[in-house]
Amino acid sequence: MKRVYIWEYRNLVEGYLDSPAVRKIVNLFARYNNRWLSPSDFYRHGVHTTIAYYLKAMADAGFLESKYENRRTYYRFKEEYVPLIEKLYEKWREIEALAENGG
């Protein structure tokens, strides 16, 4: 299994995607245990309508795998990135909890 370093994620964010969009993508995939999701799944969770472009860009960059089924494209993180998205998700939840508690 390939090791994934945090700088690889930083390069993705700093390269051509804005952090809030990537954060929402990572959070939703982590929350749903990296199951196949389509852009419409993100829309239902209040994520802005340009999410399809971000998902496609992340797939083109090699972070996501995609499949086309029933006239819809579904995405999920490649297996080697799953531990990274889980760590990021937990870290962001800790930060949000501290912010809510005034810490």
PDB file of N, CA and C in Angstrom:
ATOM      1  N   MET A   1       0.840  -1.185   0.000  1.00  0.00           N
ATOM      2  CA  MET A   1       0.000   0.000   0.000  1.00  0.00           C
ATOM      3  C   MET A   1       0.886   1.249   0.000  1.00  0.00           C
ATOM      4  N   LYS A   2       0.512   2.196  -0.827  1.00  0.00           N
ATOM      5  CA  LYS A   2       1.275   3.440  -0.940  1.00  0.00           C
ATOM      6  C   LYS A   2       1.061   4.313   0.290  1.00  0.00           C
ATOM      7  N   ARG A   3       2.135   4.905   0.784  1.00  0.00           N
ATOM      8  CA  ARG A   3       2.001   5.853   1.895  1.00  0.00           C
ATOM      9  C   ARG A   3       1.527   7.194   1.357  1.00  0.00           C
ATOM     10  N   VAL A   4       0.634   7.811   2.102  1.00  0.00           N
ATOM     11  CA  VAL A   4       0.100   9.109   1.695  1.00  0.00           C
ATOM     12  C   VAL A   4       0.527  10.140   2.726  1.00  0.00           C
ATOM     13  N   TYR A   5       1.141  11.196   2.268  1.00  0.00           N
ATOM     14  CA  TYR A   5       1.620  12.234   3.169  1.00  0.00           C
ATOM     15  C   TYR A   5       0.725  13.456   3.074  1.00  0.00           C
ATOM     16  N   ILE A   6       0.657  14.186   4.169  1.00  0.00           N
ATOM     17  CA  ILE A   6      -0.204  15.363   4.236  1.00  0.00           C
ATOM     18  C   ILE A   6       0.179  16.396   3.180  1.00  0.00           C
ATOM     19  N   TRP A   7       1.447  16.471   2.798  1.00  0.00           N
ATOM     20  CA  TRP A   7       1.846  17.461   1.796  1.00  0.00           C
ATOM     21  C   TRP A   7       1.211  17.167   0.446  1.00  0.00           C
ATOM     22  N   GLU A   8       0.909  15.901   0.151  1.00  0.00           N
ATOM     23  CA  GLU A   8       0.234  15.591  -1.105  1.00  0.00           C
ATOM     24  C   GLU A   8      -1.143  16.249  -1.122  1.00  0.00           C
ATOM     25  N   TYR A   9      -1.818  16.208   0.013  1.00  0.00           N
ATOM     26  CA  TYR A   9      -3.127  16.849   0.119  1.00  0.00           C
ATOM     27  C   TYR A   9      -2.980  18.356  -0.015  1.00  0.00           C
ATOM     28  N   ARG A  10      -1.975  18.935   0.658  1.00  0.00           N
ATOM     29  CA  ARG A  10      -1.748  20.380   0.585  1.00  0.00           C
ATOM     30  C   ARG A  10      -1.472  20.821  -0.850  1.00  0.00           C
ATOM     31  N   ASN A  11      -0.690  20.041  -1.568  1.00  0.00           N
ATOM     32  CA  ASN A  11      -0.404  20.378  -2.965  1.00  0.00           C
ATOM     33  C   ASN A  11      -1.681  20.403  -3.791  1.00  0.00           C
ATOM     34  N   LEU A  12      -2.581  19.479  -3.521  1.00  0.00           N
ATOM     35  CA  LEU A  12      -3.855  19.452  -4.234  1.00  0.00           C
ATOM     36  C   LEU A  12      -4.648  20.720  -3.955  1.00  0.00           C
ATOM     37  N   VAL A  13      -4.741  21.087  -2.692  1.00  0.00           N
ATOM     38  CA  VAL A  13      -5.530  22.260  -2.305  1.00  0.00           C
ATOM     39  C   VAL A  13      -4.906  23.533  -2.855  1.00  0.00           C
ATOM     40  N   GLU A  14      -3.598  23.674  -2.706  1.00  0.00           N
ATOM     41  CA  GLU A  14      -2.934  24.901  -3.139  1.00  0.00           C
ATOM     42  C   GLU A  14      -2.825  24.999  -4.657  1.00  0.00           C
ATOM     43  N   GLY A  15      -2.911  23.859  -5.318  1.00  0.00           N
ATOM     44  CA  GLY A  15      -2.756  23.855  -6.765  1.00  0.00           C
ATOM     45  C   GLY A  15      -3.903  24.499  -7.505  1.00  0.00           C
ATOM     46  N   TYR A  16      -5.095  23.938  -7.410  1.00  0.00           N
ATOM     47  CA  TYR A  16      -6.186  24.491  -8.214  1.00  0.00           C
ATOM     48  C   TYR A  16      -7.564  24.319  -7.596  1.00  0.00           C
ATOM     49  N   LEU A  17      -7.650  23.857  -6.376  1.00  0.00           N
ATOM     50  CA  LEU A  17      -8.942  23.734  -5.702  1.00  0.00           C
ATOM     51  C   LEU A  17      -8.938  24.596  -4.456  1.00  0.00           C
ATOM     52  N   ASP A  18     -10.077  25.189  -4.145  1.00  0.00           N
ATOM     53  CA  ASP A  18     -10.111  25.996  -2.930  1.00  0.00           C
ATOM     54  C   ASP A  18     -10.421  25.115  -1.729  1.00  0.00           C
ATOM     55  N   SER A  19      -9.862  25.440  -0.611  1.00  0.00           N
ATOM     56  CA  SER A  19      -9.947  24.617   0.591  1.00  0.00           C
ATOM     57  C   SER A  19     -11.367  24.317   1.059  1.00  0.00           C
ATOM     58  N   PRO A  20     -12.289  25.274   1.107  1.00  0.00           N
ATOM     59  CA  PRO A  20     -13.632  24.944   1.590  1.00  0.00           C
ATOM     60  C   PRO A  20     -14.312  23.853   0.767  1.00  0.00           C
ATOM     61  N   ALA A  21     -14.145  23.873  -0.547  1.00  0.00           N
ATOM     62  CA  ALA A  21     -14.766  22.847  -1.386  1.00  0.00           C
ATOM     63  C   ALA A  21     -14.137  21.486  -1.119  1.00  0.00           C
ATOM     64  N   VAL A  22     -12.815  21.441  -1.048  1.00  0.00           N
ATOM     65  CA  VAL A  22     -12.132  20.179  -0.784  1.00  0.00           C
ATOM     66  C   VAL A  22     -12.521  19.656   0.593  1.00  0.00           C
ATOM     67  N   ARG A  23     -12.620  20.552   1.545  1.00  0.00           N
ATOM     68  CA  ARG A  23     -13.001  20.140   2.901  1.00  0.00           C
ATOM     69  C   ARG A  23     -14.396  19.514   2.919  1.00  0.00           C
ATOM     70  N   LYS A  24     -15.330  20.114   2.201  1.00  0.00           N
ATOM     71  CA  LYS A  24     -16.679  19.554   2.140  1.00  0.00           C
ATOM     72  C   LYS A  24     -16.676  18.187   1.469  1.00  0.00           C
ATOM     73  N   ILE A  25     -15.887  18.049   0.423  1.00  0.00           N
ATOM     74  CA  ILE A  25     -15.783  16.768  -0.272  1.00  0.00           C
ATOM     75  C   ILE A  25     -15.221  15.708   0.664  1.00  0.00           C
ATOM     76  N   VAL A  26     -14.110  16.015   1.313  1.00  0.00           N
ATOM     77  CA  VAL A  26     -13.482  15.064   2.234  1.00  0.00           C
ATOM     78  C   VAL A  26     -14.437  14.703   3.364  1.00  0.00           C
ATOM     79  N   ASN A  27     -15.098  15.699   3.948  1.00  0.00           N
ATOM     80  CA  ASN A  27     -16.011  15.437   5.062  1.00  0.00           C
ATOM     81  C   ASN A  27     -17.151  14.511   4.669  1.00  0.00           C
ATOM     82  N   LEU A  28     -17.741  14.737   3.507  1.00  0.00           N
ATOM     83  CA  LEU A  28     -18.875  13.904   3.113  1.00  0.00           C
ATOM     84  C   LEU A  28     -18.437  12.472   2.810  1.00  0.00           C
ATOM     85  N   PHE A  29     -17.311  12.310   2.128  1.00  0.00           N
ATOM     86  CA  PHE A  29     -16.821  10.959   1.866  1.00  0.00           C
ATOM     87  C   PHE A  29     -16.466  10.244   3.167  1.00  0.00           C
ATOM     88  N   ALA A  30     -15.846  10.952   4.102  1.00  0.00           N
ATOM     89  CA  ALA A  30     -15.484  10.340   5.383  1.00  0.00           C
ATOM     90  C   ALA A  30     -16.731   9.957   6.167  1.00  0.00           C
ATOM     91  N   ARG A  31     -17.723  10.819   6.151  1.00  0.00           N
ATOM     92  CA  ARG A  31     -18.957  10.547   6.883  1.00  0.00           C
ATOM     93  C   ARG A  31     -19.688   9.321   6.336  1.00  0.00           C
ATOM     94  N   TYR A  32     -19.588   9.093   5.043  1.00  0.00           N
ATOM     95  CA  TYR A  32     -20.266   7.955   4.417  1.00  0.00           C
ATOM     96  C   TYR A  32     -19.318   6.799   4.111  1.00  0.00           C
ATOM     97  N   ASN A  33     -18.219   6.722   4.838  1.00  0.00           N
ATOM     98  CA  ASN A  33     -17.267   5.612   4.708  1.00  0.00           C
ATOM     99  C   ASN A  33     -16.817   5.371   3.269  1.00  0.00           C
ATOM    100  N   ASN A  34     -16.575   6.443   2.558  1.00  0.00           N
ATOM    101  CA  ASN A  34     -16.032   6.404   1.204  1.00  0.00           C
ATOM    102  C   ASN A  34     -16.887   5.586   0.234  1.00  0.00           C
ATOM    103  N   ARG A  35     -18.198   5.607   0.410  1.00  0.00           N
ATOM    104  CA  ARG A  35     -19.047   4.904  -0.567  1.00  0.00           C
ATOM    105  C   ARG A  35     -19.129   5.742  -1.834  1.00  0.00           C
ATOM    106  N   TRP A  36     -19.612   5.152  -2.914  1.00  0.00           N
ATOM    107  CA  TRP A  36     -19.749   5.869  -4.180  1.00  0.00           C
ATOM    108  C   TRP A  36     -20.779   6.978  -4.027  1.00  0.00           C
ATOM    109  N   LEU A  37     -20.392   8.209  -4.362  1.00  0.00           N
ATOM    110  CA  LEU A  37     -21.287   9.363  -4.280  1.00  0.00           C
ATOM    111  C   LEU A  37     -21.306  10.094  -5.620  1.00  0.00           C
ATOM    112  N   SER A  38     -22.453  10.637  -5.951  1.00  0.00           N
ATOM    113  CA  SER A  38     -22.573  11.445  -7.167  1.00  0.00           C
ATOM    114  C   SER A  38     -22.695  12.915  -6.757  1.00  0.00           C
ATOM    115  N   PRO A  39     -22.524  13.842  -7.691  1.00  0.00           N
ATOM    116  CA  PRO A  39     -22.700  15.254  -7.337  1.00  0.00           C
ATOM    117  C   PRO A  39     -24.055  15.548  -6.695  1.00  0.00           C
ATOM    118  N   SER A  40     -25.098  14.848  -7.105  1.00  0.00           N
ATOM    119  CA  SER A  40     -26.420  15.108  -6.513  1.00  0.00           C
ATOM    120  C   SER A  40     -26.460  14.744  -5.031  1.00  0.00           C
ATOM    121  N   ASP A  41     -25.646  13.782  -4.599  1.00  0.00           N
ATOM    122  CA  ASP A  41     -25.559  13.474  -3.167  1.00  0.00           C
ATOM    123  C   ASP A  41     -25.014  14.674  -2.401  1.00  0.00           C
ATOM    124  N   PHE A  42     -24.088  15.398  -3.002  1.00  0.00           N
ATOM    125  CA  PHE A  42     -23.529  16.588  -2.372  1.00  0.00           C
ATOM    126  C   PHE A  42     -24.549  17.717  -2.343  1.00  0.00           C
ATOM    127  N   TYR A  43     -25.321  17.853  -3.426  1.00  0.00           N
ATOM    128  CA  TYR A  43     -26.336  18.912  -3.473  1.00  0.00           C
ATOM    129  C   TYR A  43     -27.347  18.733  -2.351  1.00  0.00           C
ATOM    130  N   ARG A  44     -27.720  17.487  -2.080  1.00  0.00           N
ATOM    131  CA  ARG A  44     -28.684  17.212  -1.010  1.00  0.00           C
ATOM    132  C   ARG A  44     -28.161  17.636   0.358  1.00  0.00           C
ATOM    133  N   HIS A  45     -26.850  17.721   0.484  1.00  0.00           N
ATOM    134  CA  HIS A  45     -26.236  18.126   1.752  1.00  0.00           C
ATOM    135  C   HIS A  45     -25.857  19.605   1.748  1.00  0.00           C
ATOM    136  N   GLY A  46     -26.393  20.357   0.803  1.00  0.00           N
ATOM    137  CA  GLY A  46     -26.181  21.800   0.792  1.00  0.00           C
ATOM    138  C   GLY A  46     -24.857  22.262   0.229  1.00  0.00           C
ATOM    139  N   VAL A  47     -24.147  21.388  -0.475  1.00  0.00           N
ATOM    140  CA  VAL A  47     -22.876  21.777  -1.082  1.00  0.00           C
ATOM    141  C   VAL A  47     -23.185  22.472  -2.409  1.00  0.00           C
ATOM    142  N   HIS A  48     -22.460  23.536  -2.711  1.00  0.00           N
ATOM    143  CA  HIS A  48     -22.765  24.361  -3.883  1.00  0.00           C
ATOM    144  C   HIS A  48     -22.725  23.582  -5.198  1.00  0.00           C
ATOM    145  N   THR A  49     -23.347  24.165  -6.201  1.00  0.00           N
ATOM    146  CA  THR A  49     -23.586  23.446  -7.449  1.00  0.00           C
ATOM    147  C   THR A  49     -22.349  23.206  -8.306  1.00  0.00           C
ATOM    148  N   THR A  50     -21.242  23.848  -8.034  1.00  0.00           N
ATOM    149  CA  THR A  50     -20.037  23.609  -8.840  1.00  0.00           C
ATOM    150  C   THR A  50     -19.253  22.394  -8.357  1.00  0.00           C
ATOM    151  N   ILE A  51     -19.811  21.644  -7.439  1.00  0.00           N
ATOM    152  CA  ILE A  51     -19.083  20.512  -6.861  1.00  0.00           C
ATOM    153  C   ILE A  51     -18.687  19.485  -7.922  1.00  0.00           C
ATOM    154  N   ALA A  52     -19.469  19.334  -8.965  1.00  0.00           N
ATOM    155  CA  ALA A  52     -19.149  18.367 -10.019  1.00  0.00           C
ATOM    156  C   ALA A  52     -17.791  18.676 -10.649  1.00  0.00           C
ATOM    157  N   TYR A  53     -17.467  19.959 -10.798  1.00  0.00           N
ATOM    158  CA  TYR A  53     -16.176  20.343 -11.369  1.00  0.00           C
ATOM    159  C   TYR A  53     -15.027  19.977 -10.431  1.00  0.00           C
ATOM    160  N   TYR A  54     -15.233  20.157  -9.135  1.00  0.00           N
ATOM    161  CA  TYR A  54     -14.198  19.800  -8.168  1.00  0.00           C
ATOM    162  C   TYR A  54     -13.978  18.292  -8.134  1.00  0.00           C
ATOM    163  N   LEU A  55     -15.068  17.533  -8.163  1.00  0.00           N
ATOM    164  CA  LEU A  55     -14.945  16.075  -8.160  1.00  0.00           C
ATOM    165  C   LEU A  55     -14.200  15.601  -9.404  1.00  0.00           C
ATOM    166  N   LYS A  56     -14.535  16.156 -10.550  1.00  0.00           N
ATOM    167  CA  LYS A  56     -13.858  15.789 -11.797  1.00  0.00           C
ATOM    168  C   LYS A  56     -12.381  16.153 -11.731  1.00  0.00           C
ATOM    169  N   ALA A  57     -12.064  17.331 -11.212  1.00  0.00           N
ATOM    170  CA  ALA A  57     -10.664  17.754 -11.101  1.00  0.00           C
ATOM    171  C   ALA A  57      -9.888  16.841 -10.165  1.00  0.00           C
ATOM    172  N   MET A  58     -10.508  16.439  -9.057  1.00  0.00           N
ATOM    173  CA  MET A  58      -9.833  15.543  -8.118  1.00  0.00           C
ATOM    174  C   MET A  58      -9.647  14.157  -8.729  1.00  0.00           C
ATOM    175  N   ALA A  59     -10.592  13.719  -9.548  1.00  0.00           N
ATOM    176  CA  ALA A  59     -10.444  12.440 -10.251  1.00  0.00           C
ATOM    177  C   ALA A  59      -9.315  12.537 -11.277  1.00  0.00           C
ATOM    178  N   ASP A  60      -9.269  13.645 -12.008  1.00  0.00           N
ATOM    179  CA  ASP A  60      -8.201  13.850 -12.992  1.00  0.00           C
ATOM    180  C   ASP A  60      -6.831  13.909 -12.331  1.00  0.00           C
ATOM    181  N   ALA A  61      -6.776  14.422 -11.099  1.00  0.00           N
ATOM    182  CA  ALA A  61      -5.509  14.515 -10.365  1.00  0.00           C
ATOM    183  C   ALA A  61      -5.105  13.175  -9.756  1.00  0.00           C
ATOM    184  N   GLY A  62      -6.000  12.181  -9.799  1.00  0.00           N
ATOM    185  CA  GLY A  62      -5.653  10.853  -9.301  1.00  0.00           C
ATOM    186  C   GLY A  62      -6.072  10.569  -7.876  1.00  0.00           C
ATOM    187  N   PHE A  63      -6.838  11.453  -7.258  1.00  0.00           N
ATOM    188  CA  PHE A  63      -7.266  11.237  -5.880  1.00  0.00           C
ATOM    189  C   PHE A  63      -8.555  10.428  -5.792  1.00  0.00           C
ATOM    190  N   LEU A  64      -9.418  10.569  -6.803  1.00  0.00           N
ATOM    191  CA  LEU A  64     -10.700   9.872  -6.801  1.00  0.00           C
ATOM    192  C   LEU A  64     -10.755   8.884  -7.951  1.00  0.00           C
ATOM    193  N   GLU A  65     -11.532   7.828  -7.754  1.00  0.00           N
ATOM    194  CA  GLU A  65     -11.854   6.948  -8.869  1.00  0.00           C
ATOM    195  C   GLU A  65     -13.307   7.220  -9.234  1.00  0.00           C
ATOM    196  N   SER A  66     -13.668   6.957 -10.469  1.00  0.00           N
ATOM    197  CA  SER A  66     -15.028   7.255 -10.901  1.00  0.00           C
ATOM    198  C   SER A  66     -15.611   6.080 -11.666  1.00  0.00           C
ATOM    199  N   LYS A  67     -16.934   6.050 -11.700  1.00  0.00           N
ATOM    200  CA  LYS A  67     -17.639   5.064 -12.524  1.00  0.00           C
ATOM    201  C   LYS A  67     -18.895   5.737 -13.057  1.00  0.00           C
ATOM    202  N   TYR A  68     -19.303   5.300 -14.227  1.00  0.00           N
ATOM    203  CA  TYR A  68     -20.490   5.857 -14.863  1.00  0.00           C
ATOM    204  C   TYR A  68     -21.566   4.787 -14.856  1.00  0.00           C
ATOM    205  N   GLU A  69     -22.712   5.127 -14.285  1.00  0.00           N
ATOM    206  CA  GLU A  69     -23.781   4.148 -14.130  1.00  0.00           C
ATOM    207  C   GLU A  69     -25.120   4.881 -14.119  1.00  0.00           C
ATOM    208  N   ASN A  70     -26.079   4.385 -14.867  1.00  0.00           N
ATOM    209  CA  ASN A  70     -27.419   4.987 -14.910  1.00  0.00           C
ATOM    210  C   ASN A  70     -27.382   6.486 -15.210  1.00  0.00           C
ATOM    211  N   ARG A  71     -26.626   6.860 -16.225  1.00  0.00           N
ATOM    212  CA  ARG A  71     -26.503   8.261 -16.666  1.00  0.00           C
ATOM    213  C   ARG A  71     -25.966   9.191 -15.583  1.00  0.00           C
ATOM    214  N   ARG A  72     -25.207   8.667 -14.677  1.00  0.00           N
ATOM    215  CA  ARG A  72     -24.657   9.471 -13.592  1.00  0.00           C
ATOM    216  C   ARG A  72     -23.215   9.029 -13.322  1.00  0.00           C
ATOM    217  N   THR A  73     -22.369   9.976 -12.990  1.00  0.00           N
ATOM    218  CA  THR A  73     -20.992   9.649 -12.620  1.00  0.00           C
ATOM    219  C   THR A  73     -20.898   9.623 -11.102  1.00  0.00           C
ATOM    220  N   TYR A  74     -20.310   8.553 -10.584  1.00  0.00           N
ATOM    221  CA  TYR A  74     -20.113   8.391  -9.149  1.00  0.00           C
ATOM    222  C   TYR A  74     -18.620   8.436  -8.857  1.00  0.00           C
ATOM    223  N   TYR A  75     -18.297   8.960  -7.692  1.00  0.00           N
ATOM    224  CA  TYR A  75     -16.897   9.091  -7.294  1.00  0.00           C
ATOM    225  C   TYR A  75     -16.686   8.526  -5.902  1.00  0.00           C
ATOM    226  N   ARG A  76     -15.445   8.142  -5.630  1.00  0.00           N
ATOM    227  CA  ARG A  76     -14.996   7.835  -4.277  1.00  0.00           C
ATOM    228  C   ARG A  76     -13.476   7.950  -4.269  1.00  0.00           C
ATOM    229  N   PHE A  77     -12.923   8.137  -3.070  1.00  0.00           N
ATOM    230  CA  PHE A  77     -11.476   8.240  -2.954  1.00  0.00           C
ATOM    231  C   PHE A  77     -10.838   6.893  -3.236  1.00  0.00           C
ATOM    232  N   LYS A  78      -9.674   6.913  -3.842  1.00  0.00           N
ATOM    233  CA  LYS A  78      -8.920   5.679  -4.035  1.00  0.00           C
ATOM    234  C   LYS A  78      -8.544   5.140  -2.664  1.00  0.00           C
ATOM    235  N   GLU A  79      -8.423   3.835  -2.563  1.00  0.00           N
ATOM    236  CA  GLU A  79      -8.196   3.178  -1.271  1.00  0.00           C
ATOM    237  C   GLU A  79      -6.995   3.731  -0.512  1.00  0.00           C
ATOM    238  N   GLU A  80      -5.927   4.093  -1.223  1.00  0.00           N
ATOM    239  CA  GLU A  80      -4.736   4.576  -0.518  1.00  0.00           C
ATOM    240  C   GLU A  80      -4.959   5.920   0.171  1.00  0.00           C
ATOM    241  N   TYR A  81      -6.013   6.642  -0.203  1.00  0.00           N
ATOM    242  CA  TYR A  81      -6.291   7.936   0.417  1.00  0.00           C
ATOM    243  C   TYR A  81      -7.312   7.869   1.548  1.00  0.00           C
ATOM    244  N   VAL A  82      -7.943   6.725   1.743  1.00  0.00           N
ATOM    245  CA  VAL A  82      -8.970   6.595   2.779  1.00  0.00           C
ATOM    246  C   VAL A  82      -8.420   6.903   4.178  1.00  0.00           C
ATOM    247  N   PRO A  83      -7.256   6.370   4.582  1.00  0.00           N
ATOM    248  CA  PRO A  83      -6.737   6.729   5.914  1.00  0.00           C
ATOM    249  C   PRO A  83      -6.507   8.233   6.069  1.00  0.00           C
ATOM    250  N   LEU A  84      -6.085   8.890   5.014  1.00  0.00           N
ATOM    251  CA  LEU A  84      -5.846  10.332   5.063  1.00  0.00           C
ATOM    252  C   LEU A  84      -7.143  11.102   5.255  1.00  0.00           C
ATOM    253  N   ILE A  85      -8.192  10.749   4.506  1.00  0.00           N
ATOM    254  CA  ILE A  85      -9.437  11.504   4.656  1.00  0.00           C
ATOM    255  C   ILE A  85     -10.059  11.261   6.024  1.00  0.00           C
ATOM    256  N   GLU A  86      -9.879  10.058   6.576  1.00  0.00           N
ATOM    257  CA  GLU A  86     -10.399   9.795   7.922  1.00  0.00           C
ATOM    258  C   GLU A  86      -9.675  10.642   8.962  1.00  0.00           C
ATOM    259  N   LYS A  87      -8.353  10.767   8.829  1.00  0.00           N
ATOM    260  CA  LYS A  87      -7.581  11.597   9.764  1.00  0.00           C
ATOM    261  C   LYS A  87      -7.969  13.070   9.646  1.00  0.00           C
ATOM    262  N   LEU A  88      -8.101  13.547   8.422  1.00  0.00           N
ATOM    263  CA  LEU A  88      -8.493  14.944   8.218  1.00  0.00           C
ATOM    264  C   LEU A  88      -9.875  15.214   8.790  1.00  0.00           C
ATOM    265  N   TYR A  89     -10.789  14.301   8.578  1.00  0.00           N
ATOM    266  CA  TYR A  89     -12.157  14.448   9.076  1.00  0.00           C
ATOM    267  C   TYR A  89     -12.161  14.532  10.603  1.00  0.00           C
ATOM    268  N   GLU A  90     -11.434  13.652  11.264  1.00  0.00           N
ATOM    269  CA  GLU A  90     -11.363  13.671  12.732  1.00  0.00           C
ATOM    270  C   GLU A  90     -10.720  14.959  13.238  1.00  0.00           C
ATOM    271  N   LYS A  91      -9.657  15.395  12.582  1.00  0.00           N
ATOM    272  CA  LYS A  91      -8.971  16.623  12.989  1.00  0.00           C
ATOM    273  C   LYS A  91      -9.899  17.828  12.847  1.00  0.00           C
ATOM    274  N   TRP A  92     -10.615  17.913  11.743  1.00  0.00           N
ATOM    275  CA  TRP A  92     -11.535  19.033  11.542  1.00  0.00           C
ATOM    276  C   TRP A  92     -12.677  18.999  12.543  1.00  0.00           C
ATOM    277  N   ARG A  93     -13.142  17.821  12.916  1.00  0.00           N
ATOM    278  CA  ARG A  93     -14.206  17.716  13.925  1.00  0.00           C
ATOM    279  C   ARG A  93     -13.705  18.211  15.280  1.00  0.00           C
ATOM    280  N   GLU A  94     -12.454  17.879  15.619  1.00  0.00           N
ATOM    281  CA  GLU A  94     -11.861  18.365  16.873  1.00  0.00           C
ATOM    282  C   GLU A  94     -11.776  19.893  16.865  1.00  0.00           C
ATOM    283  N   ILE A  95     -11.339  20.456  15.757  1.00  0.00           N
ATOM    284  CA  ILE A  95     -11.203  21.910  15.645  1.00  0.00           C
ATOM    285  C   ILE A  95     -12.567  22.585  15.765  1.00  0.00           C
ATOM    286  N   GLU A  96     -13.572  22.030  15.107  1.00  0.00           N
ATOM    287  CA  GLU A  96     -14.921  22.595  15.185  1.00  0.00           C
ATOM    288  C   GLU A  96     -15.471  22.515  16.603  1.00  0.00           C
ATOM    289  N   ALA A  97     -15.200  21.408  17.298  1.00  0.00           N
ATOM    290  CA  ALA A  97     -15.668  21.257  18.679  1.00  0.00           C
ATOM    291  C   ALA A  97     -15.002  22.295  19.582  1.00  0.00           C
ATOM    292  N   LEU A  98     -13.710  22.523  19.386  1.00  0.00           N
ATOM    293  CA  LEU A  98     -13.007  23.541  20.168  1.00  0.00           C
ATOM    294  C   LEU A  98     -13.576  24.929  19.892  1.00  0.00           C
ATOM    295  N   ALA A  99     -13.860  25.210  18.632  1.00  0.00           N
ATOM    296  CA  ALA A  99     -14.404  26.521  18.265  1.00  0.00           C
ATOM    297  C   ALA A  99     -15.782  26.735  18.884  1.00  0.00           C
ATOM    298  N   GLU A 100     -16.593  25.694  18.897  1.00  0.00           N
ATOM    299  CA  GLU A 100     -17.934  25.806  19.479  1.00  0.00           C
ATOM    300  C   GLU A 100     -17.881  26.010  20.989  1.00  0.00           C
ATOM    301  N   ASN A 101     -16.878  25.425  21.626  1.00  0.00           N
ATOM    302  CA  ASN A 101     -16.737  25.531  23.079  1.00  0.00           C
ATOM    303  C   ASN A 101     -15.899  26.732  23.498  1.00  0.00           C
ATOM    304  N   GLY A 102     -15.546  27.569  22.539  1.00  0.00           N
ATOM    305  CA  GLY A 102     -14.778  28.776  22.860  1.00  0.00           C
ATOM    306  C   GLY A 102     -13.326  28.501  23.165  1.00  0.00           C
ATOM    307  N   GLY A 103     -12.769  27.402  22.648  1.00  0.00           N
ATOM    308  CA  GLY A 103     -11.394  27.012  22.948  1.00  0.00           C
ATOM    309  C   GLY A 103     -10.418  27.435  21.989  1.00  0.00           C
TER     310      GLY A 103
END
